[in-house]
Amino acid sequence: MEIATRDELTFTSGYSEVNGLKMYYEIYLPPGQADEQAKPIVLIHGGGSTIQTTFGKSIPLLAKNRKVIAVELQAHGRTNDRNADLSFEQDADDIAILLKNLKIDKADFFGFSNGGTTTLQIAIRHPEIVGKIILGSALAKRNGVPAWFWDFMKQARLDNMPEQLKTAYRQVASDTDGLQIMHDRDAKRMVNFKDIPDAQLKSITAATLIIIGDKDIITPEHAIEMHRQIANAELAIIPGAHGAYIGEITTIKDDFKDSDIVIPMIEKFLNKN
């Protein structure tokens, strides 16, 4: 592992051998706390994203009180591709192995967008490693987004990918030619997305916080339905677009400030008994 500093935050970073990947991760510790003292939370980025594009604004706030473990999934950012299609189930299994390699038996999880769907799969497939889960704009059913979304995904092209995400990938990836691969794998996964069965959603026992924006891609009706199906769930609908509530890079405007981020609400949820 290497020790580095970014935005005045010190963290360790490394790569772990995970199911044929060299998976990149970063670990942030609260000031003055030893590794074994801090409670871990795993951050899982959105599609086409890196750790920083999804969680760059949130990590400094979360790391004040928690051990933050942020990952980059197959073909994203600094993690290589395994020459196989992406699936949310495989991403969930990869993260479970990463935590085993890091000797972390149990953690809380915060996934955004595609990362939220991966978090659902972690709770379904690996409940023994899950404390609490936070689902930021997560999709569980095809009807959870407007019909136009699926037509858009069928015609997805790299040219249409947000410039902030393309730039961020090129800044950190060892092979910038992998940008097209990442885009195509993400698009194919969404085009072929299948509903998570009701029985699997109802099997989730972890305390769950569901968050969406009121102008999100995810519909309020979908978030409400997930809230009904996951027994121990809370729901928050926050003013703003997809990811604005955590300062996701494509949503940041000139008047953005840290107080726009919902970390205090997340901390309150995580601290409940």
C-alpha atoms as a PDB file:
ATOM      1  CA  MET A   1       0.000   0.000   0.000  1.00  0.00           C
ATOM      2  CA  GLU A   2       1.038   3.581  -0.604  1.00  0.00           C
ATOM      3  CA  ILE A   3       0.415   6.646   1.537  1.00  0.00           C
ATOM      4  CA  ALA A   4      -0.731   9.739  -0.362  1.00  0.00           C
ATOM      5  CA  THR A   5      -2.395  13.093   0.183  1.00  0.00           C
ATOM      6  CA  ARG A   6      -5.287  14.617  -1.757  1.00  0.00           C
ATOM      7  CA  ASP A   7      -7.169  17.784  -0.823  1.00  0.00           C
ATOM      8  CA  GLU A   8      -5.311  17.826   2.512  1.00  0.00           C
ATOM      9  CA  LEU A   9      -6.540  14.299   3.308  1.00  0.00           C
ATOM     10  CA  THR A  10      -4.013  11.530   3.916  1.00  0.00           C
ATOM     11  CA  PHE A  11      -5.007   8.073   2.757  1.00  0.00           C
ATOM     12  CA  THR A  12      -3.512   4.729   1.827  1.00  0.00           C
ATOM     13  CA  SER A  13      -4.092   3.188  -1.574  1.00  0.00           C
ATOM     14  CA  GLY A  14      -3.359  -0.142  -3.128  1.00  0.00           C
ATOM     15  CA  TYR A  15      -4.374  -2.944  -5.454  1.00  0.00           C
ATOM     16  CA  SER A  16      -5.820  -6.288  -4.422  1.00  0.00           C
ATOM     17  CA  GLU A  17      -6.028  -9.506  -6.442  1.00  0.00           C
ATOM     18  CA  VAL A  18      -9.769 -10.075  -6.804  1.00  0.00           C
ATOM     19  CA  ASN A  19     -11.253 -12.707  -9.124  1.00  0.00           C
ATOM     20  CA  GLY A  20      -8.767 -11.960 -11.909  1.00  0.00           C
ATOM     21  CA  LEU A  21      -8.705  -8.195 -11.302  1.00  0.00           C
ATOM     22  CA  LYS A  22      -6.169  -5.908  -9.731  1.00  0.00           C
ATOM     23  CA  MET A  23      -8.785  -3.892  -7.882  1.00  0.00           C
ATOM     24  CA  TYR A  24      -7.838  -0.387  -6.789  1.00  0.00           C
ATOM     25  CA  TYR A  25      -8.923   0.905  -3.401  1.00  0.00           C
ATOM     26  CA  GLU A  26      -8.317   3.822  -1.056  1.00  0.00           C
ATOM     27  CA  ILE A  27      -8.628   3.845   2.742  1.00  0.00           C
ATOM     28  CA  TYR A  28      -9.172   6.992   4.804  1.00  0.00           C
ATOM     29  CA  LEU A  29      -9.030   7.030   8.605  1.00  0.00           C
ATOM     30  CA  PRO A  30     -10.531   9.600  10.991  1.00  0.00           C
ATOM     31  CA  PRO A  31      -7.926  11.904  12.562  1.00  0.00           C
ATOM     32  CA  GLY A  32      -6.423  10.380  15.689  1.00  0.00           C
ATOM     33  CA  GLN A  33      -8.099   6.977  15.331  1.00  0.00           C
ATOM     34  CA  ALA A  34      -6.279   3.713  14.849  1.00  0.00           C
ATOM     35  CA  ASP A  35      -7.336   1.389  12.057  1.00  0.00           C
ATOM     36  CA  GLU A  36      -9.052  -1.092  14.366  1.00  0.00           C
ATOM     37  CA  GLN A  37     -11.009   1.628  16.195  1.00  0.00           C
ATOM     38  CA  ALA A  38     -12.838   3.177  13.250  1.00  0.00           C
ATOM     39  CA  LYS A  39     -16.038   1.643  11.876  1.00  0.00           C
ATOM     40  CA  PRO A  40     -15.710   0.905   8.144  1.00  0.00           C
ATOM     41  CA  ILE A  41     -17.964   2.140   5.372  1.00  0.00           C
ATOM     42  CA  VAL A  42     -17.444   0.994   1.779  1.00  0.00           C
ATOM     43  CA  LEU A  43     -18.155   3.493  -1.012  1.00  0.00           C
ATOM     44  CA  ILE A  44     -19.216   2.138  -4.422  1.00  0.00           C
ATOM     45  CA  HIS A  45     -19.161   4.593  -7.326  1.00  0.00           C
ATOM     46  CA  GLY A  46     -21.605   5.026 -10.186  1.00  0.00           C
ATOM     47  CA  GLY A  47     -21.313   3.810 -13.775  1.00  0.00           C
ATOM     48  CA  GLY A  48     -18.557   5.381 -15.856  1.00  0.00           C
ATOM     49  CA  SER A  49     -17.114   6.929 -12.725  1.00  0.00           C
ATOM     50  CA  THR A  50     -14.121   6.928 -10.414  1.00  0.00           C
ATOM     51  CA  ILE A  51     -13.901   7.224  -6.651  1.00  0.00           C
ATOM     52  CA  GLN A  52     -13.385  10.966  -6.937  1.00  0.00           C
ATOM     53  CA  THR A  53     -16.104  11.785  -9.468  1.00  0.00           C
ATOM     54  CA  THR A  54     -18.785  10.170  -7.314  1.00  0.00           C
ATOM     55  CA  PHE A  55     -17.491  10.689  -3.787  1.00  0.00           C
ATOM     56  CA  GLY A  56     -14.792  13.359  -3.967  1.00  0.00           C
ATOM     57  CA  LYS A  57     -16.950  15.874  -2.088  1.00  0.00           C
ATOM     58  CA  SER A  58     -18.312  13.355   0.426  1.00  0.00           C
ATOM     59  CA  ILE A  59     -15.144  11.544   1.505  1.00  0.00           C
ATOM     60  CA  PRO A  60     -13.645  14.436   3.538  1.00  0.00           C
ATOM     61  CA  LEU A  61     -16.897  14.668   5.511  1.00  0.00           C
ATOM     62  CA  LEU A  62     -17.390  10.925   6.031  1.00  0.00           C
ATOM     63  CA  ALA A  63     -13.732  10.398   6.960  1.00  0.00           C
ATOM     64  CA  LYS A  64     -14.044  12.681   9.966  1.00  0.00           C
ATOM     65  CA  ASN A  65     -15.743   9.867  11.879  1.00  0.00           C
ATOM     66  CA  ARG A  66     -15.358   6.654   9.872  1.00  0.00           C
ATOM     67  CA  LYS A  67     -12.887   4.394   8.157  1.00  0.00           C
ATOM     68  CA  VAL A  68     -13.738   5.013   4.508  1.00  0.00           C
ATOM     69  CA  ILE A  69     -12.903   2.285   2.003  1.00  0.00           C
ATOM     70  CA  ALA A  70     -13.475   3.488  -1.551  1.00  0.00           C
ATOM     71  CA  VAL A  71     -13.137   1.105  -4.497  1.00  0.00           C
ATOM     72  CA  GLU A  72     -12.989   1.199  -8.276  1.00  0.00           C
ATOM     73  CA  LEU A  73     -14.777  -1.663  -9.974  1.00  0.00           C
ATOM     74  CA  GLN A  74     -13.932  -3.676 -13.085  1.00  0.00           C
ATOM     75  CA  ALA A  75     -12.786  -1.494 -16.026  1.00  0.00           C
ATOM     76  CA  HIS A  76     -13.344   1.706 -14.036  1.00  0.00           C
ATOM     77  CA  GLY A  77     -10.615   4.167 -13.126  1.00  0.00           C
ATOM     78  CA  ARG A  78      -7.451   2.414 -11.973  1.00  0.00           C
ATOM     79  CA  THR A  79      -8.925  -1.127 -11.935  1.00  0.00           C
ATOM     80  CA  ASN A  80      -8.254  -3.242 -15.011  1.00  0.00           C
ATOM     81  CA  ASP A  81     -10.775  -5.087 -17.171  1.00  0.00           C
ATOM     82  CA  ARG A  82     -11.151  -8.870 -17.021  1.00  0.00           C
ATOM     83  CA  ASN A  83     -12.360  -9.286 -20.614  1.00  0.00           C
ATOM     84  CA  ALA A  84     -15.863 -10.252 -19.488  1.00  0.00           C
ATOM     85  CA  ASP A  85     -19.193  -8.440 -19.413  1.00  0.00           C
ATOM     86  CA  LEU A  86     -20.031  -6.449 -16.312  1.00  0.00           C
ATOM     87  CA  SER A  87     -22.727  -7.604 -13.927  1.00  0.00           C
ATOM     88  CA  PHE A  88     -23.929  -6.195 -10.631  1.00  0.00           C
ATOM     89  CA  GLU A  89     -23.718  -9.674  -9.143  1.00  0.00           C
ATOM     90  CA  GLN A  90     -20.054 -10.009 -10.121  1.00  0.00           C
ATOM     91  CA  ASP A  91     -19.270  -6.548  -8.753  1.00  0.00           C
ATOM     92  CA  ALA A  92     -20.859  -7.596  -5.451  1.00  0.00           C
ATOM     93  CA  ASP A  93     -18.767 -10.759  -5.341  1.00  0.00           C
ATOM     94  CA  ASP A  94     -15.620  -8.775  -6.166  1.00  0.00           C
ATOM     95  CA  ILE A  95     -16.184  -6.392  -3.270  1.00  0.00           C
ATOM     96  CA  ALA A  96     -16.806  -9.304  -0.896  1.00  0.00           C
ATOM     97  CA  ILE A  97     -13.431 -10.775  -1.858  1.00  0.00           C
ATOM     98  CA  LEU A  98     -11.710  -7.400  -1.538  1.00  0.00           C
ATOM     99  CA  LEU A  99     -12.977  -7.027   2.035  1.00  0.00           C
ATOM    100  CA  LYS A 100     -11.807 -10.553   2.829  1.00  0.00           C
ATOM    101  CA  ASN A 101      -8.364  -9.648   1.479  1.00  0.00           C
ATOM    102  CA  LEU A 102      -8.383  -6.512   3.646  1.00  0.00           C
ATOM    103  CA  LYS A 103      -9.425  -8.622   6.669  1.00  0.00           C
ATOM    104  CA  ILE A 104     -12.679  -6.720   7.161  1.00  0.00           C
ATOM    105  CA  ASP A 105     -15.428  -9.036   8.399  1.00  0.00           C
ATOM    106  CA  LYS A 106     -18.306  -6.568   8.298  1.00  0.00           C
ATOM    107  CA  ALA A 107     -18.933  -3.043   7.025  1.00  0.00           C
ATOM    108  CA  ASP A 108     -21.586  -0.518   6.134  1.00  0.00           C
ATOM    109  CA  PHE A 109     -22.031   0.184   2.408  1.00  0.00           C
ATOM    110  CA  PHE A 110     -22.916   3.311   0.458  1.00  0.00           C
ATOM    111  CA  GLY A 111     -23.498   2.813  -3.254  1.00  0.00           C
ATOM    112  CA  PHE A 112     -24.525   5.468  -5.736  1.00  0.00           C
ATOM    113  CA  SER A 113     -26.459   4.833  -8.987  1.00  0.00           C
ATOM    114  CA  ASN A 114     -24.991   1.628 -10.482  1.00  0.00           C
ATOM    115  CA  GLY A 115     -23.096   1.339  -7.220  1.00  0.00           C
ATOM    116  CA  GLY A 116     -26.429   1.384  -5.416  1.00  0.00           C
ATOM    117  CA  THR A 117     -27.596  -1.587  -7.465  1.00  0.00           C
ATOM    118  CA  THR A 118     -24.321  -3.344  -6.628  1.00  0.00           C
ATOM    119  CA  THR A 119     -24.982  -2.587  -2.957  1.00  0.00           C
ATOM    120  CA  LEU A 120     -28.376  -4.276  -3.254  1.00  0.00           C
ATOM    121  CA  GLN A 121     -26.616  -7.355  -4.633  1.00  0.00           C
ATOM    122  CA  ILE A 122     -24.113  -7.313  -1.763  1.00  0.00           C
ATOM    123  CA  ALA A 123     -26.991  -7.280   0.734  1.00  0.00           C
ATOM    124  CA  ILE A 124     -28.698 -10.128  -1.146  1.00  0.00           C
ATOM    125  CA  ARG A 125     -25.645 -12.302  -1.890  1.00  0.00           C
ATOM    126  CA  HIS A 126     -23.372 -11.552   1.070  1.00  0.00           C
ATOM    127  CA  PRO A 127     -25.586 -10.538   4.021  1.00  0.00           C
ATOM    128  CA  GLU A 128     -23.020 -11.781   6.527  1.00  0.00           C
ATOM    129  CA  ILE A 129     -20.614  -8.915   5.684  1.00  0.00           C
ATOM    130  CA  VAL A 130     -23.272  -6.181   5.755  1.00  0.00           C
ATOM    131  CA  GLY A 131     -24.002  -3.795   8.606  1.00  0.00           C
ATOM    132  CA  LYS A 132     -26.180  -1.030   7.158  1.00  0.00           C
ATOM    133  CA  ILE A 133     -26.660  -0.006   3.531  1.00  0.00           C
ATOM    134  CA  ILE A 134     -27.255   3.342   1.878  1.00  0.00           C
ATOM    135  CA  LEU A 135     -28.784   3.210  -1.594  1.00  0.00           C
ATOM    136  CA  GLY A 136     -28.169   6.428  -3.493  1.00  0.00           C
ATOM    137  CA  SER A 137     -30.353   6.546  -6.631  1.00  0.00           C
ATOM    138  CA  ALA A 138     -30.302   2.752  -6.920  1.00  0.00           C
ATOM    139  CA  LEU A 139     -32.222   0.845  -9.598  1.00  0.00           C
ATOM    140  CA  ALA A 140     -33.911  -2.472  -8.836  1.00  0.00           C
ATOM    141  CA  LYS A 141     -36.557  -2.654 -11.596  1.00  0.00           C
ATOM    142  CA  ARG A 142     -36.680  -1.543 -15.219  1.00  0.00           C
ATOM    143  CA  ASN A 143     -39.773   0.529 -14.510  1.00  0.00           C
ATOM    144  CA  GLY A 144     -37.773   2.525 -11.959  1.00  0.00           C
ATOM    145  CA  VAL A 145     -36.673   4.979 -14.647  1.00  0.00           C
ATOM    146  CA  PRO A 146     -38.643   6.750 -17.414  1.00  0.00           C
ATOM    147  CA  ALA A 147     -39.162   4.803 -20.656  1.00  0.00           C
ATOM    148  CA  TRP A 148     -36.879   7.174 -22.599  1.00  0.00           C
ATOM    149  CA  PHE A 149     -33.903   5.999 -20.532  1.00  0.00           C
ATOM    150  CA  TRP A 150     -33.856   2.574 -22.166  1.00  0.00           C
ATOM    151  CA  ASP A 151     -34.005   4.014 -25.701  1.00  0.00           C
ATOM    152  CA  PHE A 152     -31.158   6.356 -24.764  1.00  0.00           C
ATOM    153  CA  MET A 153     -29.025   3.451 -23.475  1.00  0.00           C
ATOM    154  CA  LYS A 154     -29.559   1.471 -26.682  1.00  0.00           C
ATOM    155  CA  GLN A 155     -28.040   4.397 -28.607  1.00  0.00           C
ATOM    156  CA  ALA A 156     -25.355   5.264 -26.047  1.00  0.00           C
ATOM    157  CA  ARG A 157     -22.101   6.533 -27.549  1.00  0.00           C
ATOM    158  CA  LEU A 158     -18.876   7.621 -25.950  1.00  0.00           C
ATOM    159  CA  ASP A 159     -19.441  11.083 -27.457  1.00  0.00           C
ATOM    160  CA  ASN A 160     -22.498  11.471 -25.197  1.00  0.00           C
ATOM    161  CA  MET A 161     -20.653  10.562 -21.995  1.00  0.00           C
ATOM    162  CA  PRO A 162     -20.235  13.562 -19.665  1.00  0.00           C
ATOM    163  CA  GLU A 163     -16.890  15.257 -20.276  1.00  0.00           C
ATOM    164  CA  GLN A 164     -16.141  15.381 -16.537  1.00  0.00           C
ATOM    165  CA  LEU A 165     -16.259  11.579 -16.366  1.00  0.00           C
ATOM    166  CA  LYS A 166     -14.122  11.088 -19.467  1.00  0.00           C
ATOM    167  CA  THR A 167     -11.514  13.542 -18.192  1.00  0.00           C
ATOM    168  CA  ALA A 168     -11.435  11.902 -14.757  1.00  0.00           C
ATOM    169  CA  TYR A 169     -10.912   8.452 -16.282  1.00  0.00           C
ATOM    170  CA  ARG A 170      -8.033   9.649 -18.439  1.00  0.00           C
ATOM    171  CA  GLN A 171      -6.386  11.293 -15.437  1.00  0.00           C
ATOM    172  CA  VAL A 172      -6.094   8.063 -13.460  1.00  0.00           C
ATOM    173  CA  ALA A 173      -6.289   5.048 -15.802  1.00  0.00           C
ATOM    174  CA  SER A 174      -3.053   3.337 -16.756  1.00  0.00           C
ATOM    175  CA  ASP A 175      -4.490   2.624 -20.231  1.00  0.00           C
ATOM    176  CA  THR A 176      -6.644   5.483 -21.512  1.00  0.00           C
ATOM    177  CA  ASP A 177      -7.785   3.291 -24.432  1.00  0.00           C
ATOM    178  CA  GLY A 178      -9.867   1.479 -21.814  1.00  0.00           C
ATOM    179  CA  LEU A 179     -12.350   4.369 -21.782  1.00  0.00           C
ATOM    180  CA  GLN A 180     -14.259   2.936 -24.737  1.00  0.00           C
ATOM    181  CA  ILE A 181     -14.273  -0.507 -23.127  1.00  0.00           C
ATOM    182  CA  MET A 182     -15.638   0.880 -19.855  1.00  0.00           C
ATOM    183  CA  HIS A 183     -18.336   2.846 -21.672  1.00  0.00           C
ATOM    184  CA  ASP A 184     -19.432  -0.107 -23.781  1.00  0.00           C
ATOM    185  CA  ARG A 185     -19.503  -2.520 -20.850  1.00  0.00           C
ATOM    186  CA  ASP A 186     -21.577  -0.121 -18.739  1.00  0.00           C
ATOM    187  CA  ALA A 187     -24.000   0.538 -21.599  1.00  0.00           C
ATOM    188  CA  LYS A 188     -24.419  -3.169 -22.386  1.00  0.00           C
ATOM    189  CA  ARG A 189     -25.094  -3.983 -18.738  1.00  0.00           C
ATOM    190  CA  MET A 190     -27.863  -1.403 -18.593  1.00  0.00           C
ATOM    191  CA  VAL A 191     -29.442  -2.420 -21.909  1.00  0.00           C
ATOM    192  CA  ASN A 192     -29.600  -6.012 -20.611  1.00  0.00           C
ATOM    193  CA  PHE A 193     -30.657  -5.066 -17.078  1.00  0.00           C
ATOM    194  CA  LYS A 194     -33.175  -7.455 -15.532  1.00  0.00           C
ATOM    195  CA  ASP A 195     -35.431  -6.759 -12.558  1.00  0.00           C
ATOM    196  CA  ILE A 196     -34.227  -7.869  -9.156  1.00  0.00           C
ATOM    197  CA  PRO A 197     -36.959 -10.303  -8.040  1.00  0.00           C
ATOM    198  CA  ASP A 198     -39.292  -9.126  -5.286  1.00  0.00           C
ATOM    199  CA  ALA A 199     -38.351 -12.115  -3.135  1.00  0.00           C
ATOM    200  CA  GLN A 200     -34.684 -11.068  -3.190  1.00  0.00           C
ATOM    201  CA  LEU A 201     -35.481  -7.472  -2.258  1.00  0.00           C
ATOM    202  CA  LYS A 202     -37.714  -8.680   0.570  1.00  0.00           C
ATOM    203  CA  SER A 203     -34.910 -10.936   1.820  1.00  0.00           C
ATOM    204  CA  ILE A 204     -32.760  -7.891   2.718  1.00  0.00           C
ATOM    205  CA  THR A 205     -32.681  -7.530   6.497  1.00  0.00           C
ATOM    206  CA  ALA A 206     -30.010  -4.824   6.799  1.00  0.00           C
ATOM    207  CA  ALA A 207     -31.092  -1.379   7.964  1.00  0.00           C
ATOM    208  CA  THR A 208     -31.384   0.590   4.723  1.00  0.00           C
ATOM    209  CA  LEU A 209     -31.457   4.263   3.811  1.00  0.00           C
ATOM    210  CA  ILE A 210     -32.834   4.973   0.317  1.00  0.00           C
ATOM    211  CA  ILE A 211     -31.972   8.392  -1.131  1.00  0.00           C
ATOM    212  CA  ILE A 212     -32.985   9.966  -4.431  1.00  0.00           C
ATOM    213  CA  GLY A 213     -33.237  13.485  -5.791  1.00  0.00           C
ATOM    214  CA  ASP A 214     -36.620  14.950  -6.645  1.00  0.00           C
ATOM    215  CA  LYS A 215     -35.283  15.511 -10.194  1.00  0.00           C
ATOM    216  CA  ASP A 216     -33.461  12.177 -10.301  1.00  0.00           C
ATOM    217  CA  ILE A 217     -33.404   9.633 -13.112  1.00  0.00           C
ATOM    218  CA  ILE A 218     -34.842   7.189 -10.581  1.00  0.00           C
ATOM    219  CA  THR A 219     -38.547   7.863 -10.129  1.00  0.00           C
ATOM    220  CA  PRO A 220     -40.060   8.633  -6.710  1.00  0.00           C
ATOM    221  CA  GLU A 221     -42.493   5.768  -7.247  1.00  0.00           C
ATOM    222  CA  HIS A 222     -39.598   3.322  -7.578  1.00  0.00           C
ATOM    223  CA  ALA A 223     -37.918   4.576  -4.417  1.00  0.00           C
ATOM    224  CA  ILE A 224     -41.213   4.292  -2.535  1.00  0.00           C
ATOM    225  CA  GLU A 225     -41.737   0.730  -3.782  1.00  0.00           C
ATOM    226  CA  MET A 226     -38.230  -0.290  -2.638  1.00  0.00           C
ATOM    227  CA  HIS A 227     -38.975   1.329   0.711  1.00  0.00           C
ATOM    228  CA  ARG A 228     -42.051  -0.873   1.008  1.00  0.00           C
ATOM    229  CA  GLN A 229     -40.240  -4.065   0.004  1.00  0.00           C
ATOM    230  CA  ILE A 230     -37.150  -3.712   2.212  1.00  0.00           C
ATOM    231  CA  ALA A 231     -38.480  -4.243   5.722  1.00  0.00           C
ATOM    232  CA  ASN A 232     -36.023  -2.104   7.669  1.00  0.00           C
ATOM    233  CA  ALA A 233     -35.820   0.856   5.281  1.00  0.00           C
ATOM    234  CA  GLU A 234     -35.988   4.635   5.497  1.00  0.00           C
ATOM    235  CA  LEU A 235     -36.580   6.940   2.524  1.00  0.00           C
ATOM    236  CA  ALA A 236     -35.343  10.454   1.760  1.00  0.00           C
ATOM    237  CA  ILE A 237     -36.216  12.469  -1.338  1.00  0.00           C
ATOM    238  CA  ILE A 238     -33.870  15.447  -1.581  1.00  0.00           C
ATOM    239  CA  PRO A 239     -34.273  18.499  -3.847  1.00  0.00           C
ATOM    240  CA  GLY A 240     -31.930  18.226  -6.824  1.00  0.00           C
ATOM    241  CA  ALA A 241     -30.690  16.032  -9.640  1.00  0.00           C
ATOM    242  CA  HIS A 242     -29.113  12.562  -9.814  1.00  0.00           C
ATOM    243  CA  GLY A 243     -26.268  12.705  -7.275  1.00  0.00           C
ATOM    244  CA  ALA A 244     -26.533  16.384  -6.350  1.00  0.00           C
ATOM    245  CA  TYR A 245     -27.138  15.339  -2.728  1.00  0.00           C
ATOM    246  CA  ILE A 246     -23.545  14.002  -2.516  1.00  0.00           C
ATOM    247  CA  GLY A 247     -21.856  16.518  -4.799  1.00  0.00           C
ATOM    248  CA  GLU A 248     -21.339  14.067  -7.687  1.00  0.00           C
ATOM    249  CA  ILE A 249     -19.068  15.836 -10.171  1.00  0.00           C
ATOM    250  CA  THR A 250     -21.544  16.283 -13.054  1.00  0.00           C
ATOM    251  CA  THR A 251     -24.050  18.018 -10.762  1.00  0.00           C
ATOM    252  CA  ILE A 252     -21.789  20.652  -9.199  1.00  0.00           C
ATOM    253  CA  LYS A 253     -22.748  24.248  -9.925  1.00  0.00           C
ATOM    254  CA  ASP A 254     -21.003  27.524  -9.109  1.00  0.00           C
ATOM    255  CA  ASP A 255     -23.015  27.992  -5.930  1.00  0.00           C
ATOM    256  CA  PHE A 256     -22.221  24.499  -4.569  1.00  0.00           C
ATOM    257  CA  LYS A 257     -21.205  24.290  -0.930  1.00  0.00           C
ATOM    258  CA  ASP A 258     -20.413  21.377   1.381  1.00  0.00           C
ATOM    259  CA  SER A 259     -23.584  22.003   3.380  1.00  0.00           C
ATOM    260  CA  ASP A 260     -25.578  20.889   0.286  1.00  0.00           C
ATOM    261  CA  ILE A 261     -24.356  17.330   0.893  1.00  0.00           C
ATOM    262  CA  VAL A 262     -26.537  15.051   3.012  1.00  0.00           C
ATOM    263  CA  ILE A 263     -23.697  13.539   5.076  1.00  0.00           C
ATOM    264  CA  PRO A 264     -25.254  14.679   8.411  1.00  0.00           C
ATOM    265  CA  MET A 265     -28.400  12.718   7.537  1.00  0.00           C
ATOM    266  CA  ILE A 266     -26.293   9.703   6.573  1.00  0.00           C
ATOM    267  CA  GLU A 267     -24.284   9.933   9.797  1.00  0.00           C
ATOM    268  CA  LYS A 268     -27.489  10.076  11.840  1.00  0.00           C
ATOM    269  CA  PHE A 269     -28.740   6.942  10.084  1.00  0.00           C
ATOM    270  CA  LEU A 270     -25.444   5.092  10.591  1.00  0.00           C
ATOM    271  CA  ASN A 271     -25.282   6.036  14.264  1.00  0.00           C
ATOM    272  CA  LYS A 272     -28.730   4.667  15.122  1.00  0.00           C
ATOM    273  CA  ASN A 273     -28.816   1.508  17.214  1.00  0.00           C
END
